[in-house]
């Protein structure tokens, strides 16, 4: 029996201060983010989606709302697919600017394998996969959409593909409102594919950055053995 679980990253967030908002309340989709969410709904509303799951954060729930309305689905909130914790939450963060210029922050950067600045990657992968499997079971024989966040989705993909968790954040293939789709035959994960239904809406400056580049080719990969 074939089941698909789509991991949907939320749309653009209104964040004029440019802070790492993490799990903080009060960060909602921008007007562009709302357009992205509607684009996703328009693109996949005719698919056999029977189960809709969202992170508890506002931006995720707002991203899912148009699709849930189009499909007539009640949204299930799952805290396991929430954003990862980060000690730099609430601060401006970037290479060469913001908090990284302060020596007091460097003590949090000593171990990229864990990572030392936030929730352990293995913990992220474990909770995300638990949420994915429950969504798969709820939608068995159909499709489910789970709205989450860039880092948790990317870490889930790295785990599935048996790749190192240590990575350059600028090179995550997980753009705004992108879909990382997991296809199961019964309980077995057989393929992972990636698509960007809102790619043309991503601002030009963001497209120039590898981590959010629009127009990335769709990918269809088998999972690593044993996943």
C-alpha atoms as a PDB file:
ATOM      1  CA  UNK A   1       0.000   0.000   0.000  1.00  0.00           C
ATOM      2  CA  UNK A   2       1.473   3.326  -1.088  1.00  0.00           C
ATOM      3  CA  UNK A   3       1.494   6.309   1.291  1.00  0.00           C
ATOM      4  CA  UNK A   4       3.195   9.687   0.868  1.00  0.00           C
ATOM      5  CA  UNK A   5       4.156  12.066   3.672  1.00  0.00           C
ATOM      6  CA  UNK A   6       5.063  15.564   2.485  1.00  0.00           C
ATOM      7  CA  UNK A   7       7.271  17.639   4.793  1.00  0.00           C
ATOM      8  CA  UNK A   8       6.318  21.227   3.970  1.00  0.00           C
ATOM      9  CA  UNK A   9       8.493  24.103   5.131  1.00  0.00           C
ATOM     10  CA  UNK A  10       6.537  27.189   6.187  1.00  0.00           C
ATOM     11  CA  UNK A  11       6.389  30.357   4.062  1.00  0.00           C
ATOM     12  CA  UNK A  12       8.225  33.647   4.480  1.00  0.00           C
ATOM     13  CA  UNK A  13       7.932  35.196   7.944  1.00  0.00           C
ATOM     14  CA  UNK A  14       7.498  38.874   8.813  1.00  0.00           C
ATOM     15  CA  UNK A  15      10.779  39.521  10.626  1.00  0.00           C
ATOM     16  CA  UNK A  16      11.889  43.136  10.092  1.00  0.00           C
ATOM     17  CA  UNK A  17      14.485  42.925  12.881  1.00  0.00           C
ATOM     18  CA  UNK A  18      16.217  39.953  11.257  1.00  0.00           C
ATOM     19  CA  UNK A  19      16.431  37.899  14.445  1.00  0.00           C
ATOM     20  CA  UNK A  20      16.672  34.149  14.832  1.00  0.00           C
ATOM     21  CA  UNK A  21      13.075  33.681  16.018  1.00  0.00           C
ATOM     22  CA  UNK A  22      13.269  29.942  16.683  1.00  0.00           C
ATOM     23  CA  UNK A  23      10.385  28.791  18.877  1.00  0.00           C
ATOM     24  CA  UNK A  24       9.246  32.282  19.872  1.00  0.00           C
ATOM     25  CA  UNK A  25       5.573  33.151  19.610  1.00  0.00           C
ATOM     26  CA  UNK A  26       4.367  36.108  17.596  1.00  0.00           C
ATOM     27  CA  UNK A  27       6.151  35.472  14.300  1.00  0.00           C
ATOM     28  CA  UNK A  28       3.583  35.253  11.523  1.00  0.00           C
ATOM     29  CA  UNK A  29       3.728  34.866   7.762  1.00  0.00           C
ATOM     30  CA  UNK A  30       4.441  37.989   5.757  1.00  0.00           C
ATOM     31  CA  UNK A  31       2.099  38.934   2.918  1.00  0.00           C
ATOM     32  CA  UNK A  32       4.478  37.131   0.580  1.00  0.00           C
ATOM     33  CA  UNK A  33       4.466  34.129   2.912  1.00  0.00           C
ATOM     34  CA  UNK A  34       0.674  34.004   2.675  1.00  0.00           C
ATOM     35  CA  UNK A  35       0.929  33.989  -1.120  1.00  0.00           C
ATOM     36  CA  UNK A  36       3.408  31.121  -0.894  1.00  0.00           C
ATOM     37  CA  UNK A  37       1.036  29.145   1.313  1.00  0.00           C
ATOM     38  CA  UNK A  38      -1.804  29.724  -1.117  1.00  0.00           C
ATOM     39  CA  UNK A  39       0.433  28.635  -4.001  1.00  0.00           C
ATOM     40  CA  UNK A  40       1.124  25.334  -2.260  1.00  0.00           C
ATOM     41  CA  UNK A  41      -2.594  24.815  -1.654  1.00  0.00           C
ATOM     42  CA  UNK A  42      -3.369  25.529  -5.299  1.00  0.00           C
ATOM     43  CA  UNK A  43      -0.592  23.219  -6.483  1.00  0.00           C
ATOM     44  CA  UNK A  44      -1.358  20.120  -4.411  1.00  0.00           C
ATOM     45  CA  UNK A  45      -5.002  20.477  -3.344  1.00  0.00           C
ATOM     46  CA  UNK A  46      -6.058  17.895  -5.945  1.00  0.00           C
ATOM     47  CA  UNK A  47      -3.769  15.240  -4.466  1.00  0.00           C
ATOM     48  CA  UNK A  48      -5.162  12.508  -2.234  1.00  0.00           C
ATOM     49  CA  UNK A  49      -4.286  14.322   1.008  1.00  0.00           C
ATOM     50  CA  UNK A  50      -6.306  12.998   3.940  1.00  0.00           C
ATOM     51  CA  UNK A  51      -4.229  14.076   6.951  1.00  0.00           C
ATOM     52  CA  UNK A  52      -2.821  17.527   7.841  1.00  0.00           C
ATOM     53  CA  UNK A  53      -0.272  18.108  10.616  1.00  0.00           C
ATOM     54  CA  UNK A  54       1.390  21.312  11.794  1.00  0.00           C
ATOM     55  CA  UNK A  55       4.085  22.451  14.161  1.00  0.00           C
ATOM     56  CA  UNK A  56       2.542  24.458  17.036  1.00  0.00           C
ATOM     57  CA  UNK A  57       4.179  27.693  15.822  1.00  0.00           C
ATOM     58  CA  UNK A  58       2.018  30.321  14.117  1.00  0.00           C
ATOM     59  CA  UNK A  59       3.968  30.446  10.870  1.00  0.00           C
ATOM     60  CA  UNK A  60       3.521  26.719  10.345  1.00  0.00           C
ATOM     61  CA  UNK A  61      -0.197  26.734  11.119  1.00  0.00           C
ATOM     62  CA  UNK A  62      -0.750  29.725   8.822  1.00  0.00           C
ATOM     63  CA  UNK A  63       1.096  27.927   6.020  1.00  0.00           C
ATOM     64  CA  UNK A  64      -1.127  24.876   6.338  1.00  0.00           C
ATOM     65  CA  UNK A  65      -4.419  26.779   6.648  1.00  0.00           C
ATOM     66  CA  UNK A  66      -5.168  27.289   2.913  1.00  0.00           C
ATOM     67  CA  UNK A  67      -4.483  23.647   2.072  1.00  0.00           C
ATOM     68  CA  UNK A  68      -6.507  22.353   5.023  1.00  0.00           C
ATOM     69  CA  UNK A  69      -9.399  24.571   3.945  1.00  0.00           C
ATOM     70  CA  UNK A  70      -9.178  23.394   0.339  1.00  0.00           C
ATOM     71  CA  UNK A  71      -9.147  19.742   1.412  1.00  0.00           C
ATOM     72  CA  UNK A  72     -11.686  20.145   4.207  1.00  0.00           C
ATOM     73  CA  UNK A  73      -9.262  18.767   6.780  1.00  0.00           C
ATOM     74  CA  UNK A  74      -8.906  19.368  10.494  1.00  0.00           C
ATOM     75  CA  UNK A  75      -5.338  20.303  11.403  1.00  0.00           C
ATOM     76  CA  UNK A  76      -3.535  18.141  13.951  1.00  0.00           C
ATOM     77  CA  UNK A  77      -0.889  20.013  15.971  1.00  0.00           C
ATOM     78  CA  UNK A  78       2.201  17.930  16.713  1.00  0.00           C
ATOM     79  CA  UNK A  79       4.937  19.374  18.980  1.00  0.00           C
ATOM     80  CA  UNK A  80       7.404  16.787  17.653  1.00  0.00           C
ATOM     81  CA  UNK A  81       7.737  18.691  14.365  1.00  0.00           C
ATOM     82  CA  UNK A  82       8.481  22.066  15.977  1.00  0.00           C
ATOM     83  CA  UNK A  83      11.581  24.164  15.244  1.00  0.00           C
ATOM     84  CA  UNK A  84      14.843  23.121  16.918  1.00  0.00           C
ATOM     85  CA  UNK A  85      16.080  24.906  20.029  1.00  0.00           C
ATOM     86  CA  UNK A  86      19.016  27.304  19.684  1.00  0.00           C
ATOM     87  CA  UNK A  87      20.917  29.322  22.288  1.00  0.00           C
ATOM     88  CA  UNK A  88      21.039  32.267  19.859  1.00  0.00           C
ATOM     89  CA  UNK A  89      17.244  32.552  19.638  1.00  0.00           C
ATOM     90  CA  UNK A  90      16.107  36.163  19.681  1.00  0.00           C
ATOM     91  CA  UNK A  91      19.426  37.519  18.422  1.00  0.00           C
ATOM     92  CA  UNK A  92      20.713  38.640  15.044  1.00  0.00           C
ATOM     93  CA  UNK A  93      22.756  35.758  13.727  1.00  0.00           C
ATOM     94  CA  UNK A  94      25.087  35.358  10.781  1.00  0.00           C
ATOM     95  CA  UNK A  95      28.662  34.859   9.665  1.00  0.00           C
ATOM     96  CA  UNK A  96      30.551  38.160   9.972  1.00  0.00           C
ATOM     97  CA  UNK A  97      27.731  40.037  11.658  1.00  0.00           C
ATOM     98  CA  UNK A  98      25.372  39.873  14.606  1.00  0.00           C
ATOM     99  CA  UNK A  99      26.017  37.610  17.568  1.00  0.00           C
ATOM    100  CA  UNK A 100      28.946  35.754  15.959  1.00  0.00           C
ATOM    101  CA  UNK A 101      31.123  38.858  16.285  1.00  0.00           C
ATOM    102  CA  UNK A 102      30.951  38.609  20.086  1.00  0.00           C
ATOM    103  CA  UNK A 103      33.552  36.351  21.746  1.00  0.00           C
ATOM    104  CA  UNK A 104      30.980  35.438  24.421  1.00  0.00           C
ATOM    105  CA  UNK A 105      29.114  33.475  21.742  1.00  0.00           C
ATOM    106  CA  UNK A 106      32.073  31.410  20.635  1.00  0.00           C
ATOM    107  CA  UNK A 107      31.810  29.004  23.577  1.00  0.00           C
ATOM    108  CA  UNK A 108      28.608  27.672  22.018  1.00  0.00           C
ATOM    109  CA  UNK A 109      30.297  26.825  18.701  1.00  0.00           C
ATOM    110  CA  UNK A 110      32.896  24.287  19.763  1.00  0.00           C
ATOM    111  CA  UNK A 111      31.084  21.126  18.632  1.00  0.00           C
ATOM    112  CA  UNK A 112      29.321  21.129  15.245  1.00  0.00           C
ATOM    113  CA  UNK A 113      28.585  17.401  15.514  1.00  0.00           C
ATOM    114  CA  UNK A 114      26.114  17.679  18.399  1.00  0.00           C
ATOM    115  CA  UNK A 115      25.632  20.709  17.838  1.00  0.00           C
ATOM    116  CA  UNK A 116      26.842  22.579  20.923  1.00  0.00           C
ATOM    117  CA  UNK A 117      24.565  25.586  20.242  1.00  0.00           C
ATOM    118  CA  UNK A 118      21.258  23.765  20.273  1.00  0.00           C
ATOM    119  CA  UNK A 119      19.174  20.608  20.215  1.00  0.00           C
ATOM    120  CA  UNK A 120      21.197  17.497  19.297  1.00  0.00           C
ATOM    121  CA  UNK A 121      20.728  16.537  15.668  1.00  0.00           C
ATOM    122  CA  UNK A 122      19.968  12.904  16.529  1.00  0.00           C
ATOM    123  CA  UNK A 123      17.207  14.060  18.858  1.00  0.00           C
ATOM    124  CA  UNK A 124      15.758  16.222  16.078  1.00  0.00           C
ATOM    125  CA  UNK A 125      15.777  13.304  13.636  1.00  0.00           C
ATOM    126  CA  UNK A 126      14.193  10.935  16.169  1.00  0.00           C
ATOM    127  CA  UNK A 127      11.282  13.204  17.049  1.00  0.00           C
ATOM    128  CA  UNK A 128      10.672  14.195  13.437  1.00  0.00           C
ATOM    129  CA  UNK A 129      10.621  10.597  12.243  1.00  0.00           C
ATOM    130  CA  UNK A 130       8.230   9.650  15.045  1.00  0.00           C
ATOM    131  CA  UNK A 131       5.895  12.362  13.783  1.00  0.00           C
ATOM    132  CA  UNK A 132       6.349  11.233  10.170  1.00  0.00           C
ATOM    133  CA  UNK A 133       5.531   7.617  11.007  1.00  0.00           C
ATOM    134  CA  UNK A 134       2.390   8.614  12.884  1.00  0.00           C
ATOM    135  CA  UNK A 135       1.313  10.784   9.939  1.00  0.00           C
ATOM    136  CA  UNK A 136       1.998   7.868   7.593  1.00  0.00           C
ATOM    137  CA  UNK A 137      -0.151   5.549   9.691  1.00  0.00           C
ATOM    138  CA  UNK A 138      -2.979   8.102   9.882  1.00  0.00           C
ATOM    139  CA  UNK A 139      -2.963   8.539   6.090  1.00  0.00           C
ATOM    140  CA  UNK A 140      -2.228   4.918   5.154  1.00  0.00           C
ATOM    141  CA  UNK A 141      -2.950   4.396   1.475  1.00  0.00           C
ATOM    142  CA  UNK A 142      -3.284   8.158   0.900  1.00  0.00           C
ATOM    143  CA  UNK A 143      -1.120  11.253   1.507  1.00  0.00           C
ATOM    144  CA  UNK A 144      -0.311  13.462   4.489  1.00  0.00           C
ATOM    145  CA  UNK A 145       1.205  16.936   4.800  1.00  0.00           C
ATOM    146  CA  UNK A 146       3.334  17.859   7.813  1.00  0.00           C
ATOM    147  CA  UNK A 147       4.306  21.540   8.111  1.00  0.00           C
ATOM    148  CA  UNK A 148       7.607  22.008   9.904  1.00  0.00           C
ATOM    149  CA  UNK A 149      10.759  24.129   9.709  1.00  0.00           C
ATOM    150  CA  UNK A 150      13.925  24.194   7.634  1.00  0.00           C
ATOM    151  CA  UNK A 151      16.425  22.661  10.055  1.00  0.00           C
ATOM    152  CA  UNK A 152      14.222  19.785  11.302  1.00  0.00           C
ATOM    153  CA  UNK A 153      13.222  18.888   7.737  1.00  0.00           C
ATOM    154  CA  UNK A 154      16.818  19.032   6.512  1.00  0.00           C
ATOM    155  CA  UNK A 155      18.124  16.948   9.422  1.00  0.00           C
ATOM    156  CA  UNK A 156      15.419  14.367   8.707  1.00  0.00           C
ATOM    157  CA  UNK A 157      16.576  14.189   5.093  1.00  0.00           C
ATOM    158  CA  UNK A 158      20.244  13.872   6.070  1.00  0.00           C
ATOM    159  CA  UNK A 159      19.325  11.000   8.396  1.00  0.00           C
ATOM    160  CA  UNK A 160      17.270   9.226   5.745  1.00  0.00           C
ATOM    161  CA  UNK A 161      20.072   9.556   3.201  1.00  0.00           C
ATOM    162  CA  UNK A 162      22.668   8.429   5.750  1.00  0.00           C
ATOM    163  CA  UNK A 163      24.638  11.647   5.361  1.00  0.00           C
ATOM    164  CA  UNK A 164      26.593  13.561   7.991  1.00  0.00           C
ATOM    165  CA  UNK A 165      24.566  15.945  10.129  1.00  0.00           C
ATOM    166  CA  UNK A 166      27.395  18.490   9.954  1.00  0.00           C
ATOM    167  CA  UNK A 167      26.572  20.858   7.105  1.00  0.00           C
ATOM    168  CA  UNK A 168      26.707  24.412   5.797  1.00  0.00           C
ATOM    169  CA  UNK A 169      23.302  26.026   6.570  1.00  0.00           C
ATOM    170  CA  UNK A 170      23.561  28.002   3.325  1.00  0.00           C
ATOM    171  CA  UNK A 171      23.427  24.755   1.368  1.00  0.00           C
ATOM    172  CA  UNK A 172      20.269  23.228   2.795  1.00  0.00           C
ATOM    173  CA  UNK A 173      17.971  22.203  -0.031  1.00  0.00           C
ATOM    174  CA  UNK A 174      14.805  23.255   1.762  1.00  0.00           C
ATOM    175  CA  UNK A 175      13.448  26.547   0.443  1.00  0.00           C
ATOM    176  CA  UNK A 176      10.412  28.429   1.685  1.00  0.00           C
ATOM    177  CA  UNK A 177       7.250  26.353   1.120  1.00  0.00           C
ATOM    178  CA  UNK A 178       9.258  23.504  -0.425  1.00  0.00           C
ATOM    179  CA  UNK A 179       8.111  19.890  -0.225  1.00  0.00           C
ATOM    180  CA  UNK A 180      10.353  17.042   0.906  1.00  0.00           C
ATOM    181  CA  UNK A 181       8.167  14.061   0.074  1.00  0.00           C
ATOM    182  CA  UNK A 182       8.624  10.594   1.561  1.00  0.00           C
ATOM    183  CA  UNK A 183       6.984   7.675  -0.244  1.00  0.00           C
ATOM    184  CA  UNK A 184       6.263   4.466   1.644  1.00  0.00           C
ATOM    185  CA  UNK A 185       5.221   1.035   0.442  1.00  0.00           C
ATOM    186  CA  UNK A 186       3.380  -0.278   3.484  1.00  0.00           C
ATOM    187  CA  UNK A 187       5.799   0.589   6.322  1.00  0.00           C
ATOM    188  CA  UNK A 188       8.933   0.753   4.159  1.00  0.00           C
ATOM    189  CA  UNK A 189      10.305   4.091   2.989  1.00  0.00           C
ATOM    190  CA  UNK A 190      11.207   3.659  -0.684  1.00  0.00           C
ATOM    191  CA  UNK A 191      11.908   7.142  -2.121  1.00  0.00           C
ATOM    192  CA  UNK A 192      12.538  10.732  -1.107  1.00  0.00           C
ATOM    193  CA  UNK A 193      11.717  13.518  -3.574  1.00  0.00           C
ATOM    194  CA  UNK A 194      11.991  17.297  -3.422  1.00  0.00           C
ATOM    195  CA  UNK A 195      10.041  20.072  -5.147  1.00  0.00           C
ATOM    196  CA  UNK A 196       9.516  23.836  -4.875  1.00  0.00           C
ATOM    197  CA  UNK A 197       5.943  24.878  -5.749  1.00  0.00           C
ATOM    198  CA  UNK A 198       6.580  28.480  -4.625  1.00  0.00           C
ATOM    199  CA  UNK A 199      10.067  28.872  -6.151  1.00  0.00           C
ATOM    200  CA  UNK A 200       9.124  31.782  -8.402  1.00  0.00           C
ATOM    201  CA  UNK A 201       7.829  33.745  -5.401  1.00  0.00           C
ATOM    202  CA  UNK A 202      11.131  33.630  -3.517  1.00  0.00           C
ATOM    203  CA  UNK A 203      12.712  37.129  -3.560  1.00  0.00           C
ATOM    204  CA  UNK A 204      15.635  37.633  -5.938  1.00  0.00           C
ATOM    205  CA  UNK A 205      18.129  38.241  -3.130  1.00  0.00           C
ATOM    206  CA  UNK A 206      17.118  34.987  -1.480  1.00  0.00           C
ATOM    207  CA  UNK A 207      17.412  33.071  -4.743  1.00  0.00           C
ATOM    208  CA  UNK A 208      21.074  34.071  -4.871  1.00  0.00           C
ATOM    209  CA  UNK A 209      21.737  32.249  -1.590  1.00  0.00           C
ATOM    210  CA  UNK A 210      22.302  28.475  -1.969  1.00  0.00           C
ATOM    211  CA  UNK A 211      20.150  27.665   1.047  1.00  0.00           C
ATOM    212  CA  UNK A 212      17.022  29.232  -0.420  1.00  0.00           C
ATOM    213  CA  UNK A 213      17.632  29.188  -4.167  1.00  0.00           C
ATOM    214  CA  UNK A 214      14.520  28.895  -6.281  1.00  0.00           C
ATOM    215  CA  UNK A 215      14.177  26.591  -9.245  1.00  0.00           C
ATOM    216  CA  UNK A 216      16.170  23.692  -7.827  1.00  0.00           C
ATOM    217  CA  UNK A 217      15.623  20.527  -9.873  1.00  0.00           C
ATOM    218  CA  UNK A 218      13.264  17.943  -8.429  1.00  0.00           C
ATOM    219  CA  UNK A 219      15.069  15.015  -6.917  1.00  0.00           C
ATOM    220  CA  UNK A 220      13.950  11.444  -6.434  1.00  0.00           C
ATOM    221  CA  UNK A 221      16.297   9.388  -4.314  1.00  0.00           C
ATOM    222  CA  UNK A 222      16.096   6.031  -2.578  1.00  0.00           C
ATOM    223  CA  UNK A 223      16.640   6.160   1.184  1.00  0.00           C
ATOM    224  CA  UNK A 224      19.746   4.750   2.775  1.00  0.00           C
ATOM    225  CA  UNK A 225      19.628   1.060   3.574  1.00  0.00           C
ATOM    226  CA  UNK A 226      17.928   0.253   6.855  1.00  0.00           C
ATOM    227  CA  UNK A 227      15.919   3.495   7.127  1.00  0.00           C
END
